[in-house]
Amino acid sequence: MTIAAVKIAQKEARMGDAEYRSLLKRLTGKTSSTQLDDAELAIVYGALKNAGKPLIHKPTTGKIWALWYNELAPYLPERERNGAYLLGIVNRVTGANLVSVAGFDLLDAKEAHVAIETLKAKANELNPCPF
């Protein structure tokens, strides 16, 4: 993936600079495409290509994202609160080789279960329930 391809996808999505930089920050924790590695470029490219399209996800994908946003990300250092970090966790524990967070729908039931249980355990490590 190249920066040029990402910039073309940005124009095709009719996304302004402020919205684009917000997307970069949300997905990668960075504000410039020149700071992105190949995996992050692929994540941003996928998000831009899907911008404005309705997304239909598996329930397990929704669970992964809910755990991430509600249970795990708030307790991580800011530099780790991005899609690339989540993607790395999921790839590591499942053995999948997903290039984008959009690929969570490609996980089979067993892989999704492993990812969900890992995120639960990591969230519990960072913020154990007092009860």
Protein backbone atom coordinates (compact mmCIF):
# COMPACT_ATOMS: atom_id res chain seq x y z
CA MET A 1 0.00 0.00 0.00
CA THR A 2 1.26 3.48 -0.82
CA ILE A 3 0.53 6.95 0.49
CA ALA A 4 -0.58 7.89 -3.03
CA ALA A 5 -3.24 5.15 -3.00
CA VAL A 6 -4.50 6.37 0.37
CA LYS A 7 -4.67 9.97 -0.89
CA ILE A 8 -6.63 8.85 -3.97
CA ALA A 9 -9.03 6.92 -1.73
CA GLN A 10 -9.40 10.07 0.41
CA LYS A 11 -10.39 12.10 -2.66
CA GLU A 12 -12.78 9.38 -3.85
CA ALA A 13 -14.41 9.36 -0.40
CA ARG A 14 -14.73 13.16 -0.66
CA MET A 15 -13.16 13.48 2.75
CA GLY A 16 -11.76 16.84 3.82
CA ASP A 17 -8.41 17.24 5.53
CA ALA A 18 -9.77 17.66 9.07
CA GLU A 19 -12.00 14.60 8.77
CA TYR A 20 -9.14 12.63 7.19
CA ARG A 21 -6.73 13.51 10.01
CA SER A 22 -9.39 12.59 12.56
CA LEU A 23 -9.77 9.21 10.84
CA LEU A 24 -6.00 8.70 10.90
CA LYS A 25 -5.86 9.56 14.60
CA ARG A 26 -8.75 7.24 15.44
CA LEU A 27 -7.39 4.29 13.46
CA THR A 28 -3.65 4.60 13.97
CA GLY A 29 -2.99 7.18 16.66
CA LYS A 30 -1.10 9.27 14.10
CA THR A 31 -2.09 12.44 12.23
CA SER A 32 -0.08 12.18 9.02
CA SER A 33 0.09 9.47 6.37
CA THR A 34 3.87 9.97 6.22
CA GLN A 35 4.06 8.46 9.73
CA LEU A 36 2.20 5.26 8.80
CA ASP A 37 3.73 1.85 8.20
CA ASP A 38 2.38 -0.51 5.52
CA ALA A 39 -0.16 -2.19 7.83
CA GLU A 40 -1.51 1.16 8.99
CA LEU A 41 -1.73 2.42 5.39
CA ALA A 42 -3.79 -0.68 4.56
CA ILE A 43 -6.11 -0.03 7.51
CA VAL A 44 -6.67 3.60 6.50
CA TYR A 45 -7.11 2.66 2.84
CA GLY A 46 -9.76 0.07 3.75
CA ALA A 47 -11.60 2.57 5.92
CA LEU A 48 -11.57 5.17 3.14
CA LYS A 49 -12.79 2.70 0.52
CA ASN A 50 -15.68 1.77 2.82
CA ALA A 51 -16.49 5.34 3.88
CA GLY A 52 -20.20 6.02 3.52
CA LYS A 53 -21.12 2.41 2.84
CA PRO A 54 -23.37 0.60 5.27
CA LEU A 55 -21.48 -2.04 7.22
CA ILE A 56 -23.02 -5.34 8.20
CA HIS A 57 -20.90 -7.22 10.67
CA LYS A 58 -20.98 -10.55 12.41
CA PRO A 59 -22.07 -10.36 16.05
CA THR A 60 -18.56 -11.42 17.08
CA THR A 61 -17.10 -8.40 15.31
CA GLY A 62 -19.41 -6.16 17.29
CA LYS A 63 -18.33 -7.89 20.49
CA ILE A 64 -14.63 -7.37 19.65
CA TRP A 65 -15.23 -3.66 19.07
CA ALA A 66 -17.40 -3.28 22.17
CA LEU A 67 -14.74 -4.87 24.35
CA TRP A 68 -12.10 -2.69 22.75
CA TYR A 69 -13.89 0.63 23.15
CA ASN A 70 -15.59 0.00 26.51
CA GLU A 71 -13.34 -2.36 28.41
CA LEU A 72 -9.78 -2.14 27.10
CA ALA A 73 -8.83 1.02 25.19
CA PRO A 74 -9.72 3.45 28.01
CA TYR A 75 -7.08 1.81 30.22
CA LEU A 76 -4.27 1.65 27.64
CA PRO A 77 -1.60 4.29 27.10
CA GLU A 78 -2.75 6.76 24.42
CA ARG A 79 -0.22 5.51 21.85
CA GLU A 80 -1.85 2.06 22.00
CA ARG A 81 -5.47 3.23 21.58
CA ASN A 82 -5.75 2.60 17.84
CA GLY A 83 -6.95 0.08 15.33
CA ALA A 84 -3.45 -1.08 14.48
CA TYR A 85 -2.84 -2.10 18.10
CA LEU A 86 -6.14 -4.00 18.26
CA LEU A 87 -5.37 -5.65 14.92
CA GLY A 88 -2.00 -6.76 16.28
CA ILE A 89 -3.61 -8.35 19.34
CA VAL A 90 -6.17 -10.21 17.23
CA ASN A 91 -3.59 -11.41 14.70
CA ARG A 92 -1.21 -12.56 17.45
CA VAL A 93 -3.75 -14.59 19.43
CA THR A 94 -5.63 -16.08 16.48
CA GLY A 95 -2.75 -16.70 14.10
CA ALA A 96 -4.75 -14.82 11.46
CA ASN A 97 -2.92 -12.54 9.09
CA LEU A 98 -5.53 -9.81 8.73
CA VAL A 99 -4.31 -6.56 7.17
CA SER A 100 -7.21 -4.44 8.35
CA VAL A 101 -9.65 -4.26 11.23
CA ALA A 102 -12.33 -4.70 8.58
CA GLY A 103 -11.12 -8.30 8.40
CA PHE A 104 -12.56 -9.18 11.80
CA ASP A 105 -15.61 -10.45 9.90
CA LEU A 106 -13.30 -13.02 8.27
CA LEU A 107 -12.48 -14.71 11.58
CA ASP A 108 -14.11 -18.09 12.01
CA ALA A 109 -16.07 -18.82 15.20
CA LYS A 110 -13.09 -20.34 17.03
CA GLU A 111 -10.75 -17.46 16.13
CA ALA A 112 -13.33 -14.88 17.13
CA HIS A 113 -13.89 -16.66 20.46
CA VAL A 114 -10.14 -16.66 21.17
CA ALA A 115 -9.92 -12.94 20.31
CA ILE A 116 -12.90 -12.07 22.52
CA GLU A 117 -11.64 -14.07 25.50
CA THR A 118 -8.16 -12.55 25.14
CA LEU A 119 -9.58 -9.03 25.10
CA LYS A 120 -11.69 -9.83 28.17
CA ALA A 121 -8.65 -11.17 30.03
CA LYS A 122 -6.47 -8.21 29.07
CA ALA A 123 -9.22 -5.77 30.13
CA ASN A 124 -9.52 -7.57 33.45
CA GLU A 125 -5.74 -7.30 33.97
CA LEU A 126 -5.84 -3.54 33.41
CA ASN A 127 -9.01 -2.88 35.39
CA PRO A 128 -9.90 -5.79 37.66
CA CYS A 129 -13.49 -5.91 38.87
CA PRO A 130 -13.63 -5.09 42.59
CA PHE A 131 -16.46 -7.57 43.25
